[in-house]
Amino acid sequence: MIKNISIGRFFPGESLIHKLDPRLKLYFIFLFILSIFFIKSFLVFIPITILIFSIMKIAKLPFLMVLKGLKGIFYIVIATVILNLVLTPGEVLFRFWIITVTVEGLKLSIFMSVRIILLVIGTSLLTLTTSPIVLTDALEYVMKPLEKIKFPSHSVAMMMTIALRFIPTILDEMDKIMKAQTSRGADFESGNIIERAKGLIPLLVPLFVNALKRADELAIAMEARCYRGGNGRTRMNVLKYDKKDYIAMIFITIFFALVIASRYFVNILLLN
């Protein structure tokens, strides 16, 4: 399950999606997350899903790899389904002991599950199609206006990118340690919650030690390359919008504007 998490991983490629300006991709993610929470109808999820899978197709991302990334949120989805099923009032579908499942609860649990799944897949497209270096430049550009109030935009952008970049690395490290500890007799599956928590100690200690060691090595490498932050720093590749970026911006702006507006169309139809 750990290996299947796709957030933070970069899938190299030369597709149109890979070549789009990273600032445009951040703009897409912002509108995507905003619109996801505005959706009130199942039907509106259809064009969102078509758009996401079209982007995956154009970017030549392995569908299986992206879909496997959903295994990391399996328990979150299950918890969402259970909570919405038993806590949502409405027309009773069936009762079991003290648990009452309603029609509204069933609809809401499916709706929320689809929302979470699309949210994870959509946001993972950013790191899958954007290299960490380019993503750092885009984040710094977006936060640059904050420098007027002495906000360290470059440092924050660098930290955010490094954090995203090392998510898959730490997860891979965790997977290796788990396998090594399991081969030595460690048990991470059986027992109650307290016993399982105690069983994680042999896993967490070497994981933190390796993470701190890797952070120290990264700091030494950056100092060896004379890294001193963003002051006076120049870039070999300056971010510039071109024709395809403007066309993509117009398209996604209109698309997500319609998605957000659909919330109010649904309300008008329900009132009528």
C-alpha atoms as a PDB file:
ATOM      1  CA  MET A   1       0.000   0.000   0.000  1.00  0.00           C
ATOM      2  CA  ILE A   2       2.836   2.388   0.850  1.00  0.00           C
ATOM      3  CA  LYS A   3       4.434   2.106  -2.588  1.00  0.00           C
ATOM      4  CA  ASN A   4       1.147   2.878  -4.286  1.00  0.00           C
ATOM      5  CA  ILE A   5       0.830   6.440  -2.953  1.00  0.00           C
ATOM      6  CA  SER A   6       1.266   8.725  -5.968  1.00  0.00           C
ATOM      7  CA  ILE A   7       1.313  12.185  -4.303  1.00  0.00           C
ATOM      8  CA  GLY A   8       4.839  13.592  -4.394  1.00  0.00           C
ATOM      9  CA  ARG A   9       6.063  11.349  -7.210  1.00  0.00           C
ATOM     10  CA  PHE A  10       7.235  12.771 -10.534  1.00  0.00           C
ATOM     11  CA  PHE A  11       6.623  10.833 -13.746  1.00  0.00           C
ATOM     12  CA  PRO A  12       8.998  12.251 -16.412  1.00  0.00           C
ATOM     13  CA  GLY A  13       7.624  12.868 -19.880  1.00  0.00           C
ATOM     14  CA  GLU A  14       7.544  15.155 -22.910  1.00  0.00           C
ATOM     15  CA  SER A  15       3.775  15.465 -23.241  1.00  0.00           C
ATOM     16  CA  LEU A  16       1.796  18.685 -23.658  1.00  0.00           C
ATOM     17  CA  ILE A  17       0.764  18.527 -19.990  1.00  0.00           C
ATOM     18  CA  HIS A  18       4.387  18.224 -18.843  1.00  0.00           C
ATOM     19  CA  LYS A  19       5.353  21.254 -20.935  1.00  0.00           C
ATOM     20  CA  LEU A  20       2.617  23.542 -19.614  1.00  0.00           C
ATOM     21  CA  ASP A  21       3.738  26.388 -17.370  1.00  0.00           C
ATOM     22  CA  PRO A  22       3.818  25.191 -13.719  1.00  0.00           C
ATOM     23  CA  ARG A  23       2.041  28.383 -12.613  1.00  0.00           C
ATOM     24  CA  LEU A  24      -0.850  27.385 -14.854  1.00  0.00           C
ATOM     25  CA  LYS A  25      -0.895  23.953 -13.177  1.00  0.00           C
ATOM     26  CA  LEU A  26      -1.116  25.611  -9.750  1.00  0.00           C
ATOM     27  CA  TYR A  27      -3.985  27.716 -11.109  1.00  0.00           C
ATOM     28  CA  PHE A  28      -5.665  24.522 -12.326  1.00  0.00           C
ATOM     29  CA  ILE A  29      -5.263  22.840  -8.919  1.00  0.00           C
ATOM     30  CA  PHE A  30      -6.700  25.893  -7.141  1.00  0.00           C
ATOM     31  CA  LEU A  31      -9.784  25.985  -9.391  1.00  0.00           C
ATOM     32  CA  PHE A  32     -10.121  22.208  -9.248  1.00  0.00           C
ATOM     33  CA  ILE A  33     -10.165  22.049  -5.435  1.00  0.00           C
ATOM     34  CA  LEU A  34     -12.504  25.048  -5.245  1.00  0.00           C
ATOM     35  CA  SER A  35     -14.953  23.591  -7.750  1.00  0.00           C
ATOM     36  CA  ILE A  36     -14.945  20.130  -6.158  1.00  0.00           C
ATOM     37  CA  PHE A  37     -16.419  21.621  -2.978  1.00  0.00           C
ATOM     38  CA  PHE A  38     -19.036  23.557  -4.933  1.00  0.00           C
ATOM     39  CA  ILE A  39     -20.487  20.467  -6.616  1.00  0.00           C
ATOM     40  CA  LYS A  40     -23.891  19.384  -5.334  1.00  0.00           C
ATOM     41  CA  SER A  41     -24.989  16.976  -8.079  1.00  0.00           C
ATOM     42  CA  PHE A  42     -23.608  13.590  -9.105  1.00  0.00           C
ATOM     43  CA  LEU A  43     -23.974  14.561 -12.767  1.00  0.00           C
ATOM     44  CA  VAL A  44     -21.359  17.319 -12.433  1.00  0.00           C
ATOM     45  CA  PHE A  45     -18.792  14.716 -11.389  1.00  0.00           C
ATOM     46  CA  ILE A  46     -18.978  13.241 -14.914  1.00  0.00           C
ATOM     47  CA  PRO A  47     -17.274  16.151 -16.797  1.00  0.00           C
ATOM     48  CA  ILE A  48     -14.727  16.471 -13.948  1.00  0.00           C
ATOM     49  CA  THR A  49     -13.892  12.763 -14.269  1.00  0.00           C
ATOM     50  CA  ILE A  50     -13.641  13.015 -18.074  1.00  0.00           C
ATOM     51  CA  LEU A  51     -11.278  16.000 -17.726  1.00  0.00           C
ATOM     52  CA  ILE A  52      -9.015  14.200 -15.226  1.00  0.00           C
ATOM     53  CA  PHE A  53      -8.744  11.039 -17.292  1.00  0.00           C
ATOM     54  CA  SER A  54      -8.186  13.091 -20.456  1.00  0.00           C
ATOM     55  CA  ILE A  55      -5.254  14.831 -18.754  1.00  0.00           C
ATOM     56  CA  MET A  56      -3.879  11.440 -17.690  1.00  0.00           C
ATOM     57  CA  LYS A  57      -4.200  10.207 -21.276  1.00  0.00           C
ATOM     58  CA  ILE A  58      -2.480  13.263 -22.789  1.00  0.00           C
ATOM     59  CA  ALA A  59       0.290  13.130 -20.165  1.00  0.00           C
ATOM     60  CA  LYS A  60       0.713   9.394 -20.877  1.00  0.00           C
ATOM     61  CA  LEU A  61       0.480   8.572 -17.188  1.00  0.00           C
ATOM     62  CA  PRO A  62      -0.041   4.874 -16.398  1.00  0.00           C
ATOM     63  CA  PHE A  63      -3.684   4.600 -15.350  1.00  0.00           C
ATOM     64  CA  LEU A  64      -2.922   1.669 -13.056  1.00  0.00           C
ATOM     65  CA  MET A  65      -0.205   3.628 -11.248  1.00  0.00           C
ATOM     66  CA  VAL A  66      -2.514   6.594 -10.607  1.00  0.00           C
ATOM     67  CA  LEU A  67      -5.419   4.405  -9.518  1.00  0.00           C
ATOM     68  CA  LYS A  68      -3.169   2.415  -7.183  1.00  0.00           C
ATOM     69  CA  GLY A  69      -2.437   5.689  -5.424  1.00  0.00           C
ATOM     70  CA  LEU A  70      -5.994   5.523  -4.072  1.00  0.00           C
ATOM     71  CA  LYS A  71      -5.046   2.594  -1.829  1.00  0.00           C
ATOM     72  CA  GLY A  72      -3.416   5.072   0.518  1.00  0.00           C
ATOM     73  CA  ILE A  73      -6.812   6.668   1.274  1.00  0.00           C
ATOM     74  CA  PHE A  74      -8.754   3.393   1.514  1.00  0.00           C
ATOM     75  CA  TYR A  75      -9.416   3.688   5.249  1.00  0.00           C
ATOM     76  CA  ILE A  76     -10.340   7.369   4.940  1.00  0.00           C
ATOM     77  CA  VAL A  77     -12.971   6.522   2.323  1.00  0.00           C
ATOM     78  CA  ILE A  78     -14.318   3.636   4.434  1.00  0.00           C
ATOM     79  CA  ALA A  79     -14.541   5.873   7.521  1.00  0.00           C
ATOM     80  CA  THR A  80     -16.344   8.531   5.459  1.00  0.00           C
ATOM     81  CA  VAL A  81     -18.866   6.007   4.157  1.00  0.00           C
ATOM     82  CA  ILE A  82     -19.585   4.572   7.625  1.00  0.00           C
ATOM     83  CA  LEU A  83     -19.986   7.957   9.325  1.00  0.00           C
ATOM     84  CA  ASN A  84     -22.307   9.321   6.647  1.00  0.00           C
ATOM     85  CA  LEU A  85     -24.360   6.118   6.587  1.00  0.00           C
ATOM     86  CA  VAL A  86     -25.088   6.039  10.312  1.00  0.00           C
ATOM     87  CA  LEU A  87     -25.187   9.759  11.159  1.00  0.00           C
ATOM     88  CA  THR A  88     -27.287  11.208   8.328  1.00  0.00           C
ATOM     89  CA  PRO A  89     -31.010  11.507   9.182  1.00  0.00           C
ATOM     90  CA  GLY A  90     -33.733  10.890   6.620  1.00  0.00           C
ATOM     91  CA  GLU A  91     -35.865   8.165   5.095  1.00  0.00           C
ATOM     92  CA  VAL A  92     -34.998   4.855   6.767  1.00  0.00           C
ATOM     93  CA  LEU A  93     -33.574   2.250   4.399  1.00  0.00           C
ATOM     94  CA  PHE A  94     -33.036  -0.484   7.011  1.00  0.00           C
ATOM     95  CA  ARG A  95     -32.167  -0.923  10.675  1.00  0.00           C
ATOM     96  CA  PHE A  96     -29.633  -3.239  12.266  1.00  0.00           C
ATOM     97  CA  TRP A  97     -29.505  -3.265  16.070  1.00  0.00           C
ATOM     98  CA  ILE A  98     -28.906   0.405  17.040  1.00  0.00           C
ATOM     99  CA  ILE A  99     -27.678   1.354  13.564  1.00  0.00           C
ATOM    100  CA  THR A 100     -30.086   3.082  11.198  1.00  0.00           C
ATOM    101  CA  VAL A 101     -29.169   3.504   7.543  1.00  0.00           C
ATOM    102  CA  THR A 102     -31.082   6.137   5.576  1.00  0.00           C
ATOM    103  CA  VAL A 103     -31.476   6.770   1.861  1.00  0.00           C
ATOM    104  CA  GLU A 104     -29.971  10.219   2.313  1.00  0.00           C
ATOM    105  CA  GLY A 105     -27.034   8.712   4.221  1.00  0.00           C
ATOM    106  CA  LEU A 106     -26.357   6.242   1.424  1.00  0.00           C
ATOM    107  CA  LYS A 107     -26.434   8.985  -1.211  1.00  0.00           C
ATOM    108  CA  LEU A 108     -24.217  11.278   0.859  1.00  0.00           C
ATOM    109  CA  SER A 109     -21.661   8.543   1.585  1.00  0.00           C
ATOM    110  CA  ILE A 110     -21.308   7.747  -2.128  1.00  0.00           C
ATOM    111  CA  PHE A 111     -21.136  11.468  -2.977  1.00  0.00           C
ATOM    112  CA  MET A 112     -18.410  12.173  -0.403  1.00  0.00           C
ATOM    113  CA  SER A 113     -16.408   9.095  -1.445  1.00  0.00           C
ATOM    114  CA  VAL A 114     -16.410  10.183  -5.098  1.00  0.00           C
ATOM    115  CA  ARG A 115     -15.394  13.701  -4.023  1.00  0.00           C
ATOM    116  CA  ILE A 116     -12.408  12.422  -2.003  1.00  0.00           C
ATOM    117  CA  ILE A 117     -11.275  10.062  -4.785  1.00  0.00           C
ATOM    118  CA  LEU A 118     -11.410  12.780  -7.459  1.00  0.00           C
ATOM    119  CA  LEU A 119      -9.665  15.226  -5.118  1.00  0.00           C
ATOM    120  CA  VAL A 120      -6.728  12.858  -4.560  1.00  0.00           C
ATOM    121  CA  ILE A 121      -6.366  11.889  -8.227  1.00  0.00           C
ATOM    122  CA  GLY A 122      -6.673  15.489  -9.437  1.00  0.00           C
ATOM    123  CA  THR A 123      -4.139  16.959  -7.011  1.00  0.00           C
ATOM    124  CA  SER A 124      -1.660  14.144  -7.635  1.00  0.00           C
ATOM    125  CA  LEU A 125      -1.494  15.219 -11.298  1.00  0.00           C
ATOM    126  CA  LEU A 126       0.465  18.315 -10.224  1.00  0.00           C
ATOM    127  CA  THR A 127       3.474  16.426  -8.843  1.00  0.00           C
ATOM    128  CA  LEU A 128       3.214  13.620 -11.397  1.00  0.00           C
ATOM    129  CA  THR A 129       3.676  16.037 -14.303  1.00  0.00           C
ATOM    130  CA  THR A 130       5.895  18.733 -12.724  1.00  0.00           C
ATOM    131  CA  SER A 131       9.512  18.349 -11.652  1.00  0.00           C
ATOM    132  CA  PRO A 132      10.410  19.557  -8.121  1.00  0.00           C
ATOM    133  CA  ILE A 133      12.728  22.315  -9.395  1.00  0.00           C
ATOM    134  CA  VAL A 134      10.110  23.798 -11.720  1.00  0.00           C
ATOM    135  CA  LEU A 135       7.454  23.482  -9.024  1.00  0.00           C
ATOM    136  CA  THR A 136       9.670  25.444  -6.620  1.00  0.00           C
ATOM    137  CA  ASP A 137       9.968  28.300  -9.147  1.00  0.00           C
ATOM    138  CA  ALA A 138       6.193  28.328  -9.646  1.00  0.00           C
ATOM    139  CA  LEU A 139       5.441  28.404  -5.916  1.00  0.00           C
ATOM    140  CA  GLU A 140       7.981  31.175  -5.388  1.00  0.00           C
ATOM    141  CA  TYR A 141       6.428  33.219  -8.206  1.00  0.00           C
ATOM    142  CA  VAL A 142       2.933  32.821  -6.726  1.00  0.00           C
ATOM    143  CA  MET A 143       4.106  33.902  -3.252  1.00  0.00           C
ATOM    144  CA  LYS A 144       6.372  36.697  -4.513  1.00  0.00           C
ATOM    145  CA  PRO A 145       3.918  39.539  -3.728  1.00  0.00           C
ATOM    146  CA  LEU A 146       4.181  38.540  -0.053  1.00  0.00           C
ATOM    147  CA  GLU A 147       7.846  39.577  -0.057  1.00  0.00           C
ATOM    148  CA  LYS A 148       6.639  43.165   0.424  1.00  0.00           C
ATOM    149  CA  ILE A 149       5.756  42.175   4.007  1.00  0.00           C
ATOM    150  CA  LYS A 150       9.108  40.388   4.485  1.00  0.00           C
ATOM    151  CA  PHE A 151       7.658  36.946   3.772  1.00  0.00           C
ATOM    152  CA  PRO A 152      10.448  34.480   2.749  1.00  0.00           C
ATOM    153  CA  SER A 153       8.710  33.233  -0.398  1.00  0.00           C
ATOM    154  CA  HIS A 154      11.741  31.438  -1.819  1.00  0.00           C
ATOM    155  CA  SER A 155      12.526  29.582   1.408  1.00  0.00           C
ATOM    156  CA  VAL A 156       8.910  28.539   1.944  1.00  0.00           C
ATOM    157  CA  ALA A 157       8.580  27.389  -1.676  1.00  0.00           C
ATOM    158  CA  MET A 158      11.792  25.385  -1.350  1.00  0.00           C
ATOM    159  CA  MET A 159      10.636  23.745   1.889  1.00  0.00           C
ATOM    160  CA  MET A 160       7.228  22.863   0.449  1.00  0.00           C
ATOM    161  CA  THR A 161       8.790  21.322  -2.660  1.00  0.00           C
ATOM    162  CA  ILE A 162      11.368  19.344  -0.686  1.00  0.00           C
ATOM    163  CA  ALA A 163       8.610  18.074   1.606  1.00  0.00           C
ATOM    164  CA  LEU A 164       6.541  16.923  -1.382  1.00  0.00           C
ATOM    165  CA  ARG A 165       9.589  15.386  -3.037  1.00  0.00           C
ATOM    166  CA  PHE A 166      10.532  13.345   0.014  1.00  0.00           C
ATOM    167  CA  ILE A 167       7.060  11.927   0.704  1.00  0.00           C
ATOM    168  CA  PRO A 168       7.551   8.964  -1.685  1.00  0.00           C
ATOM    169  CA  THR A 169      11.179   8.573  -0.576  1.00  0.00           C
ATOM    170  CA  ILE A 170      10.214   8.273   3.104  1.00  0.00           C
ATOM    171  CA  LEU A 171       7.331   5.943   2.250  1.00  0.00           C
ATOM    172  CA  ASP A 172       9.665   3.682   0.265  1.00  0.00           C
ATOM    173  CA  GLU A 173      12.071   3.742   3.206  1.00  0.00           C
ATOM    174  CA  MET A 174       9.210   2.780   5.535  1.00  0.00           C
ATOM    175  CA  ASP A 175       8.271  -0.114   3.282  1.00  0.00           C
ATOM    176  CA  LYS A 176      11.846  -1.448   3.297  1.00  0.00           C
ATOM    177  CA  ILE A 177      12.117  -1.164   7.093  1.00  0.00           C
ATOM    178  CA  MET A 178       8.763  -2.924   7.564  1.00  0.00           C
ATOM    179  CA  LYS A 179       9.877  -5.816   5.382  1.00  0.00           C
ATOM    180  CA  ALA A 180      13.223  -6.015   7.198  1.00  0.00           C
ATOM    181  CA  GLN A 181      11.526  -5.974  10.619  1.00  0.00           C
ATOM    182  CA  THR A 182       8.926  -8.528   9.505  1.00  0.00           C
ATOM    183  CA  SER A 183      11.677 -10.906   8.368  1.00  0.00           C
ATOM    184  CA  ARG A 184      13.109 -10.607  11.895  1.00  0.00           C
ATOM    185  CA  GLY A 185       9.815 -11.563  13.529  1.00  0.00           C
ATOM    186  CA  ALA A 186       8.135  -8.172  14.011  1.00  0.00           C
ATOM    187  CA  ASP A 187       4.340  -8.246  13.826  1.00  0.00           C
ATOM    188  CA  PHE A 188       2.493  -5.146  12.559  1.00  0.00           C
ATOM    189  CA  GLU A 189      -0.854  -6.824  11.858  1.00  0.00           C
ATOM    190  CA  SER A 190      -2.162  -8.716  14.894  1.00  0.00           C
ATOM    191  CA  GLY A 191      -3.202  -7.460  18.348  1.00  0.00           C
ATOM    192  CA  ASN A 192      -5.322  -4.565  19.557  1.00  0.00           C
ATOM    193  CA  ILE A 193      -4.674  -0.884  18.873  1.00  0.00           C
ATOM    194  CA  ILE A 194      -2.275  -0.467  21.813  1.00  0.00           C
ATOM    195  CA  GLU A 195      -0.252  -3.548  20.837  1.00  0.00           C
ATOM    196  CA  ARG A 196      -0.058  -2.371  17.227  1.00  0.00           C
ATOM    197  CA  ALA A 197       1.103   1.074  18.374  1.00  0.00           C
ATOM    198  CA  LYS A 198       3.859  -0.537  20.464  1.00  0.00           C
ATOM    199  CA  GLY A 199       4.808  -2.671  17.458  1.00  0.00           C
ATOM    200  CA  LEU A 200       5.465   0.499  15.433  1.00  0.00           C
ATOM    201  CA  ILE A 201       8.356   1.554  17.690  1.00  0.00           C
ATOM    202  CA  PRO A 202      10.910  -0.678  15.872  1.00  0.00           C
ATOM    203  CA  LEU A 203       9.679   0.949  12.664  1.00  0.00           C
ATOM    204  CA  LEU A 204       9.550   4.617  13.681  1.00  0.00           C
ATOM    205  CA  VAL A 205      12.966   4.820  15.345  1.00  0.00           C
ATOM    206  CA  PRO A 206      15.067   3.830  12.282  1.00  0.00           C
ATOM    207  CA  LEU A 207      12.690   5.807  10.032  1.00  0.00           C
ATOM    208  CA  PHE A 208      13.279   9.047  11.970  1.00  0.00           C
ATOM    209  CA  VAL A 209      17.024   8.374  12.170  1.00  0.00           C
ATOM    210  CA  ASN A 210      17.226   7.871   8.400  1.00  0.00           C
ATOM    211  CA  ALA A 211      15.046  10.930   7.734  1.00  0.00           C
ATOM    212  CA  LEU A 212      17.263  13.164   9.900  1.00  0.00           C
ATOM    213  CA  LYS A 213      20.384  11.718   8.287  1.00  0.00           C
ATOM    214  CA  ARG A 214      18.982  12.393   4.825  1.00  0.00           C
ATOM    215  CA  ALA A 215      18.061  15.964   5.808  1.00  0.00           C
ATOM    216  CA  ASP A 216      21.601  16.556   7.078  1.00  0.00           C
ATOM    217  CA  GLU A 217      23.089  15.180   3.843  1.00  0.00           C
ATOM    218  CA  LEU A 218      20.770  17.425   1.807  1.00  0.00           C
ATOM    219  CA  ALA A 219      21.836  20.490   3.813  1.00  0.00           C
ATOM    220  CA  ILE A 220      25.538  19.674   3.279  1.00  0.00           C
ATOM    221  CA  ALA A 221      24.939  19.148  -0.460  1.00  0.00           C
ATOM    222  CA  MET A 222      23.159  22.513  -0.760  1.00  0.00           C
ATOM    223  CA  GLU A 223      25.951  24.300   1.118  1.00  0.00           C
ATOM    224  CA  ALA A 224      28.586  22.584  -1.049  1.00  0.00           C
ATOM    225  CA  ARG A 225      26.839  24.054  -4.090  1.00  0.00           C
ATOM    226  CA  CYS A 226      26.930  27.532  -2.509  1.00  0.00           C
ATOM    227  CA  TYR A 227      23.182  27.709  -1.958  1.00  0.00           C
ATOM    228  CA  ARG A 228      22.361  30.879  -0.022  1.00  0.00           C
ATOM    229  CA  GLY A 229      18.651  31.304  -0.585  1.00  0.00           C
ATOM    230  CA  GLY A 230      16.799  33.363  -3.171  1.00  0.00           C
ATOM    231  CA  ASN A 231      18.607  36.699  -2.791  1.00  0.00           C
ATOM    232  CA  GLY A 232      20.413  37.544  -6.030  1.00  0.00           C
ATOM    233  CA  ARG A 233      19.631  34.125  -7.472  1.00  0.00           C
ATOM    234  CA  THR A 234      19.228  33.854 -11.238  1.00  0.00           C
ATOM    235  CA  ARG A 235      17.487  31.122 -13.218  1.00  0.00           C
ATOM    236  CA  MET A 236      18.684  29.259 -16.249  1.00  0.00           C
ATOM    237  CA  ASN A 237      15.081  28.757 -17.429  1.00  0.00           C
ATOM    238  CA  VAL A 238      12.801  31.754 -16.838  1.00  0.00           C
ATOM    239  CA  LEU A 239       9.094  30.942 -16.634  1.00  0.00           C
ATOM    240  CA  LYS A 240       7.171  32.400 -19.575  1.00  0.00           C
ATOM    241  CA  TYR A 241       3.639  31.867 -20.818  1.00  0.00           C
ATOM    242  CA  ASP A 242       3.218  30.957 -24.470  1.00  0.00           C
ATOM    243  CA  LYS A 243       0.243  30.387 -26.761  1.00  0.00           C
ATOM    244  CA  LYS A 244      -0.643  26.916 -25.487  1.00  0.00           C
ATOM    245  CA  ASP A 245      -0.607  28.174 -21.891  1.00  0.00           C
ATOM    246  CA  TYR A 246      -3.048  30.977 -22.663  1.00  0.00           C
ATOM    247  CA  ILE A 247      -5.360  28.598 -24.532  1.00  0.00           C
ATOM    248  CA  ALA A 248      -5.269  26.117 -21.640  1.00  0.00           C
ATOM    249  CA  MET A 249      -5.916  28.937 -19.137  1.00  0.00           C
ATOM    250  CA  ILE A 250      -8.985  30.134 -21.019  1.00  0.00           C
ATOM    251  CA  PHE A 251     -10.327  26.585 -21.296  1.00  0.00           C
ATOM    252  CA  ILE A 252      -9.920  25.636 -17.622  1.00  0.00           C
ATOM    253  CA  THR A 253     -11.275  29.017 -16.469  1.00  0.00           C
ATOM    254  CA  ILE A 254     -14.462  28.570 -18.502  1.00  0.00           C
ATOM    255  CA  PHE A 255     -14.741  24.894 -17.559  1.00  0.00           C
ATOM    256  CA  PHE A 256     -14.458  25.399 -13.794  1.00  0.00           C
ATOM    257  CA  ALA A 257     -16.602  28.548 -13.915  1.00  0.00           C
ATOM    258  CA  LEU A 258     -19.385  26.383 -15.372  1.00  0.00           C
ATOM    259  CA  VAL A 259     -18.780  23.713 -12.726  1.00  0.00           C
ATOM    260  CA  ILE A 260     -19.035  26.278  -9.913  1.00  0.00           C
ATOM    261  CA  ALA A 261     -22.095  27.878 -11.522  1.00  0.00           C
ATOM    262  CA  SER A 262     -23.773  24.450 -11.699  1.00  0.00           C
ATOM    263  CA  ARG A 263     -24.257  24.634  -7.918  1.00  0.00           C
ATOM    264  CA  TYR A 264     -26.647  27.555  -8.345  1.00  0.00           C
ATOM    265  CA  PHE A 265     -28.347  25.989 -11.380  1.00  0.00           C
ATOM    266  CA  VAL A 266     -29.135  22.948  -9.245  1.00  0.00           C
ATOM    267  CA  ASN A 267     -30.628  25.184  -6.522  1.00  0.00           C
ATOM    268  CA  ILE A 268     -32.841  26.960  -9.100  1.00  0.00           C
ATOM    269  CA  LEU A 269     -34.058  23.626 -10.503  1.00  0.00           C
ATOM    270  CA  LEU A 270     -34.812  22.306  -7.009  1.00  0.00           C
ATOM    271  CA  LEU A 271     -36.804  25.428  -6.149  1.00  0.00           C
ATOM    272  CA  ASN A 272     -38.846  25.040  -9.316  1.00  0.00           C
END
